[in-house]
Amino acid sequence: MKVLLVGHDFDFSSGDGISRYSLEIFKGLKKYVDVETIATGKMPRPARALFNLNVKDADIVHLMYPNVAKVNKGTAKMVVTWHDLRVFNKYLEEGQYRVQPKLVERFNIANSIIKRWTIENYKATDAIVLNSSQTQKELQAYLSAHNEYDANKKYMVTPLGVDLAFLRTRVWDGERRDFVYMGSIHFRHKNLTGLLHVFNKIAEKSDAKLHIFTFSPDAQNILTTTMKAFKNLSTSNVILHYRAGDAVVSRYLETAVAYLQLTKHEGLGMSIFAALATGTNVMVLKDSVMPKEATKYAIKLSADEIPKKASEMMDHWKPAPQKAINYARSFTWENTVKQTLDVYKKLLAK
């Protein structure tokens, strides 16, 4: 079997969840099949609409996300991984914190093009791989509402994995004082302002620190600017760790009071699994939209309830329940790769 993977990157250079997914699928598949990659990350999104990739000699062409390129699959079976619906309805809402009006105008045009070729890729594909039941539900609802849903396609949920640095962590039973967030901060749905608003209240009555791990461009400027609105926050208690590796993240995460995932919407939830795998409790917003797989053992609260809960957890520190740890550690990249390979085999057996 020959597989062609098409993605933004395959070296985790973007640092986001899709970048991690692409890398892990590539590394895992190399153990089982002949696999090649095409990275389109350096191409502007509108230009990808003109990049019509003609697949000639692969058995499977797998798009790491639906708008990574416009593909003429030829005789290959095509698989698309669908992470969320941002391509359809959230680009403007989730755009970078500081954009110029002309860029927004151009982005509107680009978004129209992207939507069109994303639907074309969907129509051409033979199987849709989804990372959670939440993503599956949202995709079906959106496509059905626009008369695009094809019930004859294969829709397979293949949950994401936890990186080895977190799986190998020994659960810390000592004192816990600080808090952690890891992920993008330049997208509005990631709710950096909401996160800092909550931690500002925590910092009012404690000397706890918030450690933010991100790969977001212009991260220091975004964080410094946003913190100015909060009197209890400074670089002494909100610590930015830019492009830190898993080993560094796990050292801070494993001794944290809690991992704060206060985003409004998540298609993946990878960092929630990672936090629980190290034995650290996770707090999420109870009105957020997140995969139920990821939030099964999370503490669900409103933003106003979190500071009080955080104070209680600092006074009576303890790790996450063992059943939550075991659950999170059951999500491995090896399983994700094997389930993905199973999708390929089923398509080729038709």
Protein backbone atom coordinates (compact mmCIF):
# COMPACT_ATOMS: atom_id res chain seq x y z
CA MET A 1 0.00 0.00 0.00
CA LYS A 2 1.29 3.45 -0.92
CA VAL A 3 -0.07 6.43 1.00
CA LEU A 4 0.35 10.12 0.18
CA LEU A 5 -0.19 12.48 3.12
CA VAL A 6 -0.97 16.13 2.29
CA GLY A 7 -0.66 18.61 5.15
CA HIS A 8 0.52 22.01 6.30
CA ASP A 9 3.68 20.47 7.76
CA PHE A 10 4.98 17.17 9.08
CA ASP A 11 7.62 18.41 11.52
CA PHE A 12 5.37 20.13 14.11
CA SER A 13 6.68 23.49 12.92
CA SER A 14 3.21 25.06 13.23
CA GLY A 15 2.91 23.80 16.78
CA ASP A 16 -0.86 23.38 16.74
CA GLY A 17 -3.01 20.30 17.15
CA ILE A 18 -3.32 19.59 13.45
CA SER A 19 0.43 19.90 13.04
CA ARG A 20 0.95 17.38 15.85
CA TYR A 21 -1.64 15.07 14.33
CA SER A 22 0.07 15.20 10.93
CA LEU A 23 3.47 14.40 12.42
CA GLU A 24 2.23 11.47 14.50
CA ILE A 25 0.24 9.93 11.64
CA PHE A 26 3.30 10.20 9.38
CA LYS A 27 5.68 8.67 11.93
CA GLY A 28 3.27 5.88 12.75
CA LEU A 29 2.33 4.94 9.21
CA LYS A 30 6.00 4.59 8.19
CA LYS A 31 6.10 1.41 10.27
CA TYR A 32 3.42 -0.25 8.18
CA VAL A 33 3.20 1.21 4.66
CA ASP A 34 5.06 3.11 1.96
CA VAL A 35 4.26 6.74 2.81
CA GLU A 36 5.17 10.08 1.23
CA THR A 37 4.26 13.63 2.23
CA ILE A 38 3.47 16.94 0.54
CA ALA A 39 3.57 20.06 2.74
CA THR A 40 1.67 23.14 1.57
CA GLY A 41 2.25 25.31 4.63
CA LYS A 42 4.37 27.90 2.85
CA MET A 43 1.71 28.52 0.24
CA PRO A 44 -0.91 31.25 0.86
CA ARG A 45 -4.36 29.67 1.27
CA PRO A 46 -5.84 31.34 -1.85
CA ALA A 47 -2.93 29.97 -3.89
CA ARG A 48 -3.77 26.43 -2.83
CA ALA A 49 -7.00 26.71 -4.80
CA LEU A 50 -4.81 26.87 -7.90
CA PHE A 51 -2.57 24.03 -6.71
CA ASN A 52 -4.50 21.13 -8.19
CA LEU A 53 -2.66 18.10 -6.90
CA ASN A 54 -2.99 15.21 -9.35
CA VAL A 55 -2.34 11.95 -7.53
CA LYS A 56 -1.00 9.37 -9.96
CA ASP A 57 0.59 6.41 -8.21
CA ALA A 58 -0.72 6.32 -4.63
CA ASP A 59 -3.37 3.93 -3.35
CA ILE A 60 -4.52 6.38 -0.67
CA VAL A 61 -4.29 10.17 -0.59
CA HIS A 62 -4.99 11.52 2.89
CA LEU A 63 -5.60 15.23 3.49
CA MET A 64 -4.65 16.17 7.03
CA TYR A 65 -7.43 18.75 6.95
CA PRO A 66 -9.99 19.53 4.25
CA ASN A 67 -8.61 22.81 2.86
CA VAL A 68 -4.91 21.95 2.83
CA ALA A 69 -4.93 21.70 -0.97
CA LYS A 70 -7.27 21.23 -3.89
CA VAL A 71 -6.90 17.64 -5.02
CA ASN A 72 -7.61 15.73 -8.19
CA LYS A 73 -7.24 12.28 -6.69
CA GLY A 74 -7.05 10.27 -9.90
CA THR A 75 -7.55 6.57 -9.13
CA ALA A 76 -6.49 6.83 -5.48
CA LYS A 77 -8.95 6.52 -2.64
CA MET A 78 -9.12 9.82 -0.78
CA VAL A 79 -9.40 10.32 2.97
CA VAL A 80 -9.92 13.69 4.67
CA THR A 81 -9.41 14.36 8.37
CA TRP A 82 -12.00 16.84 9.66
CA HIS A 83 -11.00 18.64 12.87
CA ASP A 84 -13.65 21.36 13.17
CA LEU A 85 -15.85 23.73 11.16
CA ARG A 86 -13.60 26.80 11.23
CA VAL A 87 -13.20 26.65 7.49
CA PHE A 88 -16.91 27.40 7.14
CA ASN A 89 -17.95 29.75 9.88
CA LYS A 90 -15.21 30.97 12.20
CA TYR A 91 -12.33 32.55 10.31
CA LEU A 92 -13.35 36.15 10.97
CA GLU A 93 -14.30 35.45 14.58
CA GLU A 94 -11.09 33.56 15.21
CA GLY A 95 -8.72 35.79 13.25
CA GLN A 96 -5.52 37.06 14.78
CA TYR A 97 -5.88 39.70 17.46
CA ARG A 98 -4.52 42.52 15.36
CA VAL A 99 -5.46 42.62 11.70
CA GLN A 100 -5.64 45.58 9.37
CA PRO A 101 -8.96 46.34 7.62
CA LYS A 102 -7.54 45.65 4.15
CA LEU A 103 -6.35 42.25 5.30
CA VAL A 104 -9.82 41.44 6.60
CA GLU A 105 -11.29 42.40 3.24
CA ARG A 106 -8.86 40.16 1.41
CA PHE A 107 -9.53 37.40 3.91
CA ASN A 108 -13.25 37.50 3.15
CA ILE A 109 -12.46 36.81 -0.49
CA ALA A 110 -10.00 34.07 0.44
CA ASN A 111 -12.56 32.48 2.76
CA SER A 112 -15.09 32.20 -0.06
CA ILE A 113 -12.54 30.41 -2.22
CA ILE A 114 -11.52 28.13 0.63
CA LYS A 115 -15.11 27.10 1.34
CA ARG A 116 -15.67 26.23 -2.29
CA TRP A 117 -12.68 23.96 -2.71
CA THR A 118 -13.23 22.40 0.72
CA ILE A 119 -16.67 21.23 -0.40
CA GLU A 120 -15.15 19.97 -3.65
CA ASN A 121 -12.64 17.92 -1.64
CA TYR A 122 -15.46 16.59 0.51
CA LYS A 123 -17.39 15.48 -2.56
CA ALA A 124 -14.32 13.78 -4.02
CA THR A 125 -13.37 11.93 -0.85
CA ASP A 126 -14.19 8.32 -0.01
CA ALA A 127 -13.88 8.50 3.78
CA ILE A 128 -13.97 11.19 6.45
CA VAL A 129 -11.82 10.69 9.54
CA LEU A 130 -13.06 12.68 12.52
CA ASN A 131 -11.18 13.19 15.78
CA SER A 132 -14.22 13.24 18.05
CA SER A 133 -17.93 12.60 18.20
CA GLN A 134 -18.40 16.37 18.57
CA THR A 135 -16.73 17.02 15.21
CA GLN A 136 -18.79 14.28 13.59
CA LYS A 137 -22.01 15.77 14.93
CA GLU A 138 -21.13 19.30 13.79
CA LEU A 139 -20.02 18.22 10.32
CA GLN A 140 -23.15 16.19 9.66
CA ALA A 141 -25.37 19.04 10.87
CA TYR A 142 -23.59 21.62 8.70
CA LEU A 143 -23.51 19.52 5.54
CA SER A 144 -27.11 18.38 5.98
CA ALA A 145 -28.26 21.98 6.36
CA HIS A 146 -26.57 22.82 3.04
CA ASN A 147 -27.75 19.67 1.23
CA GLU A 148 -24.19 18.38 0.92
CA TYR A 149 -24.24 15.42 3.32
CA ASP A 150 -23.48 12.09 1.63
CA ALA A 151 -24.55 9.17 3.81
CA ASN A 152 -22.74 6.72 1.51
CA LYS A 153 -19.30 7.95 2.55
CA LYS A 154 -17.45 6.33 5.42
CA TYR A 155 -17.39 8.48 8.56
CA MET A 156 -14.89 7.13 11.08
CA VAL A 157 -14.11 8.61 14.50
CA THR A 158 -10.43 8.03 15.37
CA PRO A 159 -9.63 9.85 18.65
CA LEU A 160 -6.26 11.54 18.98
CA GLY A 161 -3.40 10.36 21.14
CA VAL A 162 -1.38 11.54 24.11
CA ASP A 163 2.31 12.20 23.60
CA LEU A 164 4.79 9.91 25.30
CA ALA A 165 6.21 12.65 27.51
CA PHE A 166 2.84 12.82 29.29
CA LEU A 167 2.16 9.08 29.30
CA ARG A 168 5.45 8.36 31.04
CA THR A 169 4.92 10.90 33.81
CA ARG A 170 4.85 9.66 37.39
CA VAL A 171 1.83 11.13 39.14
CA TRP A 172 2.99 13.84 41.55
CA ASP A 173 1.57 13.56 45.06
CA GLY A 174 3.35 16.59 46.52
CA GLU A 175 2.12 20.15 46.94
CA ARG A 176 0.59 21.84 43.90
CA ARG A 177 0.53 25.63 43.52
CA ASP A 178 0.42 26.86 39.92
CA PHE A 179 -1.83 26.62 36.86
CA VAL A 180 -1.15 25.74 33.22
CA TYR A 181 -2.63 26.45 29.80
CA MET A 182 -1.22 25.12 26.53
CA GLY A 183 -2.41 25.97 23.06
CA SER A 184 -2.90 28.88 20.69
CA ILE A 185 -3.59 32.34 22.08
CA HIS A 186 -3.98 34.29 18.84
CA PHE A 187 -7.39 32.84 17.94
CA ARG A 188 -10.36 34.49 19.61
CA HIS A 189 -12.19 31.23 20.35
CA LYS A 190 -9.21 30.24 22.51
CA ASN A 191 -10.44 32.94 24.90
CA LEU A 192 -7.15 34.36 26.19
CA THR A 193 -9.00 37.34 27.67
CA GLY A 194 -11.36 35.02 29.53
CA LEU A 195 -8.46 32.94 30.82
CA LEU A 196 -6.64 36.02 32.14
CA HIS A 197 -9.87 37.39 33.63
CA VAL A 198 -10.26 34.20 35.68
CA PHE A 199 -6.62 34.06 36.70
CA ASN A 200 -6.69 37.74 37.68
CA LYS A 201 -9.23 36.78 40.36
CA ILE A 202 -7.11 33.82 41.45
CA ALA A 203 -4.03 36.06 41.66
CA GLU A 204 -5.90 38.57 43.83
CA LYS A 205 -5.76 36.14 46.76
CA SER A 206 -2.74 33.97 46.02
CA ASP A 207 0.82 33.96 44.77
CA ALA A 208 0.07 31.26 42.19
CA LYS A 209 1.50 31.50 38.69
CA LEU A 210 -0.11 30.80 35.34
CA HIS A 211 2.21 29.09 32.86
CA ILE A 212 1.15 29.56 29.24
CA PHE A 213 2.68 27.25 26.63
CA THR A 214 2.06 28.32 23.04
CA PHE A 215 3.38 28.30 19.50
CA SER A 216 1.26 31.29 18.49
CA PRO A 217 2.97 33.95 16.35
CA ASP A 218 3.62 37.24 18.14
CA ALA A 219 2.76 35.51 21.41
CA GLN A 220 4.66 37.82 23.77
CA ASN A 221 3.11 40.95 22.29
CA ILE A 222 -0.40 39.45 22.39
CA LEU A 223 0.00 38.35 25.98
CA THR A 224 1.58 41.60 27.21
CA THR A 225 -1.09 43.72 25.53
CA THR A 226 -3.97 41.63 26.85
CA MET A 227 -2.60 41.59 30.41
CA LYS A 228 -2.71 45.38 30.65
CA ALA A 229 -6.42 45.23 31.43
CA PHE A 230 -5.84 43.21 34.63
CA LYS A 231 -4.36 44.84 37.71
CA ASN A 232 -3.20 41.62 39.40
CA LEU A 233 -1.29 40.25 36.41
CA SER A 234 2.29 40.81 35.29
CA THR A 235 5.16 38.87 33.79
CA SER A 236 6.02 37.72 37.31
CA ASN A 237 2.88 35.61 37.70
CA VAL A 238 1.86 34.98 34.06
CA ILE A 239 4.79 33.16 32.49
CA LEU A 240 5.03 32.64 28.74
CA HIS A 241 6.83 29.52 27.51
CA TYR A 242 7.23 29.94 23.77
CA ARG A 243 7.56 26.82 21.59
CA ALA A 244 8.52 24.60 24.53
CA GLY A 245 8.85 20.86 23.92
CA ASP A 246 6.70 18.16 25.50
CA ALA A 247 9.31 17.29 28.11
CA VAL A 248 9.33 20.87 29.40
CA VAL A 249 5.54 21.14 29.36
CA SER A 250 5.12 17.90 31.29
CA ARG A 251 7.45 19.08 34.10
CA TYR A 252 5.21 22.06 34.79
CA LEU A 253 1.95 20.27 34.08
CA GLU A 254 2.53 17.34 36.42
CA THR A 255 2.79 19.60 39.52
CA ALA A 256 0.02 22.06 38.62
CA VAL A 257 -3.08 22.61 40.72
CA ALA A 258 -5.14 22.41 37.55
CA TYR A 259 -4.99 22.75 33.81
CA LEU A 260 -7.24 25.60 32.64
CA GLN A 261 -8.85 24.99 29.25
CA LEU A 262 -11.22 27.95 29.10
CA THR A 263 -11.65 27.97 25.36
CA LYS A 264 -15.15 28.43 23.96
CA HIS A 265 -14.91 25.76 21.29
CA GLU A 266 -12.59 22.80 20.68
CA GLY A 267 -12.57 20.23 17.93
CA LEU A 268 -9.68 18.18 19.34
CA GLY A 269 -9.08 18.45 23.10
CA MET A 270 -5.58 16.97 22.90
CA SER A 271 -4.18 19.04 25.77
CA ILE A 272 -7.00 17.93 28.08
CA PHE A 273 -5.96 14.30 27.61
CA ALA A 274 -2.32 15.27 28.17
CA ALA A 275 -3.11 17.05 31.44
CA LEU A 276 -5.18 14.20 32.83
CA ALA A 277 -2.53 11.68 31.77
CA THR A 278 -0.02 13.43 34.05
CA GLY A 279 -2.48 13.32 36.93
CA THR A 280 -3.51 16.97 36.80
CA ASN A 281 -7.15 17.99 37.14
CA VAL A 282 -8.70 19.93 34.25
CA MET A 283 -11.18 22.80 34.49
CA VAL A 284 -13.31 23.81 31.51
CA LEU A 285 -16.19 26.22 30.96
CA LYS A 286 -19.48 24.42 31.38
CA ASP A 287 -21.04 26.31 28.47
CA SER A 288 -18.19 25.61 26.04
CA VAL A 289 -18.52 23.29 23.04
CA MET A 290 -15.96 20.51 23.38
CA PRO A 291 -15.70 16.81 22.54
CA LYS A 292 -17.41 14.76 25.23
CA GLU A 293 -14.52 12.29 25.06
CA ALA A 294 -12.11 15.00 26.21
CA THR A 295 -14.29 16.51 28.94
CA LYS A 296 -15.59 13.25 30.44
CA TYR A 297 -13.47 13.74 33.57
CA ALA A 298 -13.03 17.53 33.45
CA ILE A 299 -14.41 19.84 36.12
CA LYS A 300 -17.11 21.92 34.40
CA LEU A 301 -17.71 25.38 35.87
CA SER A 302 -18.73 28.89 34.90
CA ALA A 303 -15.98 31.52 34.70
CA ASP A 304 -17.23 33.06 37.96
CA GLU A 305 -17.07 29.72 39.78
CA ILE A 306 -13.52 28.82 38.81
CA PRO A 307 -11.55 31.17 41.16
CA LYS A 308 -13.32 29.76 44.25
CA LYS A 309 -12.77 26.20 43.06
CA ALA A 310 -9.13 26.98 42.33
CA SER A 311 -8.67 28.32 45.86
CA GLU A 312 -10.18 25.15 47.32
CA MET A 313 -7.91 23.00 45.17
CA MET A 314 -4.81 24.92 46.31
CA ASP A 315 -5.78 24.45 49.96
CA HIS A 316 -6.52 20.75 49.49
CA TRP A 317 -4.24 19.76 46.65
CA LYS A 318 -4.49 16.32 45.14
CA PRO A 319 -4.07 14.67 41.74
CA ALA A 320 -6.83 13.77 39.34
CA PRO A 321 -8.79 10.57 40.12
CA GLN A 322 -7.03 7.40 39.03
CA LYS A 323 -9.92 6.47 36.74
CA ALA A 324 -9.43 9.79 34.89
CA ILE A 325 -5.69 9.17 34.56
CA ASN A 326 -6.21 5.65 33.24
CA TYR A 327 -8.84 6.91 30.80
CA ALA A 328 -6.58 9.64 29.39
CA ARG A 329 -3.66 7.24 29.04
CA SER A 330 -5.78 4.93 26.91
CA PHE A 331 -5.64 7.49 24.09
CA THR A 332 -2.35 6.75 22.34
CA TRP A 333 -0.99 7.75 18.94
CA GLU A 334 -0.30 4.09 18.23
CA ASN A 335 -4.03 3.38 18.49
CA THR A 336 -4.84 6.40 16.31
CA VAL A 337 -2.45 5.22 13.60
CA LYS A 338 -3.81 1.67 13.65
CA GLN A 339 -7.40 2.92 13.38
CA THR A 340 -6.39 5.16 10.48
CA LEU A 341 -4.69 2.25 8.76
CA ASP A 342 -7.88 0.24 9.24
CA VAL A 343 -9.81 2.96 7.37
CA TYR A 344 -7.38 2.63 4.44
CA LYS A 345 -7.72 -1.16 4.36
CA LYS A 346 -11.51 -1.01 4.36
CA LEU A 347 -11.51 1.44 1.45
CA LEU A 348 -9.10 -0.63 -0.63
CA ALA A 349 -11.08 -3.82 0.07
CA LYS A 350 -14.22 -2.38 -1.56
